[in-house]
Amino acid sequence: MNQTIRIENNGHITLPKTVCEALHTQDGDLLAWQIGDNDSVTLRRVTPPVDSYTAAVSATLTEWDSEEDDEAYCDL
């Protein structure tokens, strides 16, 4: 399905709902684009590196996740 959008005078565009649904976007998501051959553009949703890092190490942080630890370190 082809759709068109208009570029506003400040350079902004509004993505159609069908594009947002196809990318499974939510408020605050980051989008990245790549400019290809023949004036083509690829748009994708990306996860910020900080979130990826936090998810990767979160399982290793449970050793300090007790009420006693909270009490011991709450004033730091």
N, C-alpha and C. Protein backbone atom coordinates (compact mmCIF):
# COMPACT_ATOMS: atom_id res chain seq x y z
N MET A 1 0.84 -1.17 0.00
CA MET A 1 0.00 0.00 0.00
C MET A 1 0.89 1.24 0.00
N ASN A 2 0.70 2.12 -0.91
CA ASN A 2 1.44 3.38 -0.98
C ASN A 2 0.64 4.47 -0.28
N GLN A 3 1.35 5.28 0.51
CA GLN A 3 0.74 6.42 1.18
C GLN A 3 1.65 7.61 0.97
N THR A 4 1.09 8.79 1.08
CA THR A 4 1.91 9.99 0.97
C THR A 4 1.75 10.81 2.25
N ILE A 5 2.79 11.57 2.57
CA ILE A 5 2.75 12.51 3.68
C ILE A 5 3.34 13.82 3.20
N ARG A 6 2.97 14.89 3.86
CA ARG A 6 3.45 16.21 3.47
C ARG A 6 4.51 16.67 4.47
N ILE A 7 5.60 17.24 3.95
CA ILE A 7 6.63 17.83 4.79
C ILE A 7 6.18 19.25 5.14
N GLU A 8 6.13 19.54 6.45
CA GLU A 8 5.72 20.87 6.90
C GLU A 8 6.83 21.88 6.63
N ASN A 9 6.52 23.16 6.75
CA ASN A 9 7.50 24.19 6.43
C ASN A 9 8.70 24.19 7.38
N ASN A 10 8.57 23.57 8.55
CA ASN A 10 9.69 23.47 9.48
C ASN A 10 10.46 22.15 9.30
N GLY A 11 10.10 21.37 8.29
CA GLY A 11 10.79 20.11 8.02
C GLY A 11 10.20 18.92 8.75
N HIS A 12 9.18 19.11 9.57
CA HIS A 12 8.58 18.01 10.32
C HIS A 12 7.62 17.21 9.45
N ILE A 13 7.50 15.95 9.81
CA ILE A 13 6.51 15.08 9.18
C ILE A 13 5.76 14.35 10.29
N THR A 14 4.60 13.85 9.97
CA THR A 14 3.83 13.00 10.87
C THR A 14 3.75 11.62 10.24
N LEU A 15 4.20 10.61 10.98
CA LEU A 15 4.12 9.25 10.44
C LEU A 15 2.69 8.75 10.49
N PRO A 16 2.21 8.15 9.43
CA PRO A 16 0.87 7.59 9.44
C PRO A 16 0.74 6.47 10.49
N LYS A 17 -0.45 6.29 10.98
CA LYS A 17 -0.72 5.27 11.98
C LYS A 17 -0.30 3.89 11.48
N THR A 18 -0.49 3.62 10.20
CA THR A 18 -0.13 2.30 9.66
C THR A 18 1.38 2.05 9.75
N VAL A 19 2.18 3.12 9.60
CA VAL A 19 3.64 2.97 9.72
C VAL A 19 4.00 2.70 11.17
N CYS A 20 3.41 3.45 12.08
CA CYS A 20 3.68 3.23 13.52
C CYS A 20 3.27 1.82 13.95
N GLU A 21 2.15 1.36 13.45
CA GLU A 21 1.70 -0.01 13.78
C GLU A 21 2.65 -1.05 13.20
N ALA A 22 3.12 -0.83 11.98
CA ALA A 22 4.03 -1.78 11.35
C ALA A 22 5.36 -1.86 12.10
N LEU A 23 5.80 -0.73 12.67
CA LEU A 23 7.05 -0.70 13.43
C LEU A 23 6.85 -1.04 14.90
N HIS A 24 5.60 -1.23 15.32
CA HIS A 24 5.25 -1.53 16.71
C HIS A 24 5.82 -0.46 17.65
N THR A 25 5.59 0.82 17.29
CA THR A 25 6.13 1.91 18.09
C THR A 25 5.19 2.29 19.22
N GLN A 26 5.80 2.90 20.24
CA GLN A 26 5.07 3.47 21.37
C GLN A 26 5.63 4.86 21.61
N ASP A 27 4.92 5.65 22.40
CA ASP A 27 5.41 6.99 22.72
C ASP A 27 6.81 6.90 23.31
N GLY A 28 7.72 7.74 22.83
CA GLY A 28 9.08 7.78 23.35
C GLY A 28 10.06 6.86 22.65
N ASP A 29 9.58 6.00 21.74
CA ASP A 29 10.50 5.11 21.02
C ASP A 29 11.44 5.92 20.12
N LEU A 30 12.59 5.34 19.85
CA LEU A 30 13.55 5.94 18.93
C LEU A 30 13.44 5.27 17.58
N LEU A 31 13.57 6.06 16.52
CA LEU A 31 13.56 5.54 15.16
C LEU A 31 14.89 5.88 14.51
N ALA A 32 15.36 4.97 13.67
CA ALA A 32 16.59 5.20 12.91
C ALA A 32 16.26 4.99 11.44
N TRP A 33 16.97 5.71 10.60
CA TRP A 33 16.76 5.54 9.16
C TRP A 33 18.09 5.38 8.46
N GLN A 34 18.02 4.74 7.31
CA GLN A 34 19.20 4.54 6.48
C GLN A 34 18.82 4.94 5.06
N ILE A 35 19.65 5.78 4.47
CA ILE A 35 19.40 6.22 3.10
C ILE A 35 20.12 5.27 2.16
N GLY A 36 19.35 4.69 1.26
CA GLY A 36 19.91 3.70 0.34
C GLY A 36 20.02 4.23 -1.08
N ASP A 37 20.21 3.32 -1.97
CA ASP A 37 20.31 3.67 -3.39
C ASP A 37 18.96 4.13 -3.92
N ASN A 38 19.00 4.87 -5.00
CA ASN A 38 17.80 5.32 -5.70
C ASN A 38 16.85 6.12 -4.81
N ASP A 39 17.42 6.93 -3.89
CA ASP A 39 16.63 7.78 -3.00
C ASP A 39 15.67 7.00 -2.09
N SER A 40 16.02 5.77 -1.76
CA SER A 40 15.18 4.99 -0.86
C SER A 40 15.62 5.23 0.59
N VAL A 41 14.67 5.11 1.50
CA VAL A 41 14.93 5.28 2.93
C VAL A 41 14.33 4.11 3.67
N THR A 42 15.12 3.51 4.56
CA THR A 42 14.65 2.42 5.41
C THR A 42 14.50 2.97 6.82
N LEU A 43 13.34 2.78 7.42
CA LEU A 43 13.04 3.26 8.76
C LEU A 43 12.84 2.07 9.68
N ARG A 44 13.44 2.13 10.89
CA ARG A 44 13.26 1.03 11.84
C ARG A 44 13.24 1.58 13.26
N ARG A 45 12.64 0.82 14.15
CA ARG A 45 12.60 1.17 15.57
C ARG A 45 13.85 0.61 16.21
N VAL A 46 14.48 1.38 17.12
CA VAL A 46 15.70 0.93 17.77
C VAL A 46 15.54 1.02 19.29
N THR A 47 16.32 0.19 19.98
CA THR A 47 16.37 0.22 21.43
C THR A 47 17.62 0.97 21.84
N PRO A 48 17.48 1.94 22.72
CA PRO A 48 18.67 2.67 23.15
C PRO A 48 19.69 1.74 23.79
N PRO A 49 20.97 1.99 23.59
CA PRO A 49 22.01 1.13 24.16
C PRO A 49 21.92 1.02 25.68
N VAL A 50 21.53 2.08 26.35
CA VAL A 50 21.45 2.04 27.81
C VAL A 50 20.44 0.99 28.25
N ASP A 51 19.27 0.94 27.59
CA ASP A 51 18.27 -0.05 27.93
C ASP A 51 18.77 -1.46 27.67
N SER A 52 19.49 -1.66 26.58
CA SER A 52 20.03 -2.97 26.26
C SER A 52 21.04 -3.40 27.32
N TYR A 53 21.88 -2.48 27.74
CA TYR A 53 22.89 -2.79 28.75
C TYR A 53 22.22 -3.12 30.08
N THR A 54 21.24 -2.32 30.47
CA THR A 54 20.54 -2.57 31.73
C THR A 54 19.87 -3.94 31.72
N ALA A 55 19.23 -4.28 30.63
CA ALA A 55 18.58 -5.59 30.53
C ALA A 55 19.59 -6.72 30.61
N ALA A 56 20.76 -6.52 30.02
CA ALA A 56 21.77 -7.58 30.00
C ALA A 56 22.37 -7.84 31.38
N VAL A 57 22.52 -6.78 32.19
CA VAL A 57 23.18 -6.97 33.49
C VAL A 57 22.20 -7.07 34.65
N SER A 58 20.92 -6.86 34.43
CA SER A 58 19.97 -6.83 35.53
C SER A 58 19.94 -8.14 36.31
N ALA A 59 20.11 -9.26 35.65
CA ALA A 59 20.10 -10.55 36.35
C ALA A 59 21.28 -10.71 37.28
N THR A 60 22.36 -10.00 37.03
CA THR A 60 23.54 -10.13 37.88
C THR A 60 23.50 -9.22 39.10
N LEU A 61 22.50 -8.36 39.20
CA LEU A 61 22.44 -7.41 40.30
C LEU A 61 21.55 -7.86 41.46
N THR A 62 21.01 -9.04 41.40
CA THR A 62 20.07 -9.49 42.43
C THR A 62 20.73 -9.82 43.75
N GLU A 63 22.05 -9.98 43.79
CA GLU A 63 22.69 -10.32 45.06
C GLU A 63 22.61 -9.18 46.07
N TRP A 64 22.35 -7.93 45.63
CA TRP A 64 22.22 -6.80 46.54
C TRP A 64 20.80 -6.27 46.56
N ASP A 65 19.84 -7.15 46.37
CA ASP A 65 18.45 -6.74 46.25
C ASP A 65 17.62 -7.31 47.39
N SER A 66 17.97 -6.94 48.60
CA SER A 66 17.20 -7.40 49.76
C SER A 66 16.84 -6.20 50.63
N GLU A 67 15.92 -6.39 51.56
CA GLU A 67 15.54 -5.31 52.47
C GLU A 67 16.73 -4.87 53.32
N GLU A 68 17.56 -5.82 53.72
CA GLU A 68 18.74 -5.49 54.52
C GLU A 68 19.71 -4.60 53.73
N ASP A 69 19.88 -4.90 52.47
CA ASP A 69 20.75 -4.08 51.62
C ASP A 69 20.17 -2.68 51.44
N ASP A 70 18.84 -2.60 51.26
CA ASP A 70 18.21 -1.29 51.13
C ASP A 70 18.44 -0.44 52.37
N GLU A 71 18.31 -1.05 53.55
CA GLU A 71 18.52 -0.32 54.79
C GLU A 71 19.98 0.08 54.95
N ALA A 72 20.89 -0.79 54.58
CA ALA A 72 22.32 -0.52 54.76
C ALA A 72 22.82 0.58 53.82
N TYR A 73 22.25 0.66 52.63
CA TYR A 73 22.79 1.58 51.63
C TYR A 73 21.85 2.76 51.32
N CYS A 74 20.75 2.93 52.04
CA CYS A 74 19.77 3.96 51.69
C CYS A 74 20.30 5.37 51.88
N ASP A 75 21.30 5.58 52.75
CA ASP A 75 21.82 6.92 53.00
C ASP A 75 22.99 7.29 52.12
N LEU A 76 23.40 6.45 51.21
CA LEU A 76 24.56 6.75 50.36
C LEU A 76 24.27 7.80 49.33
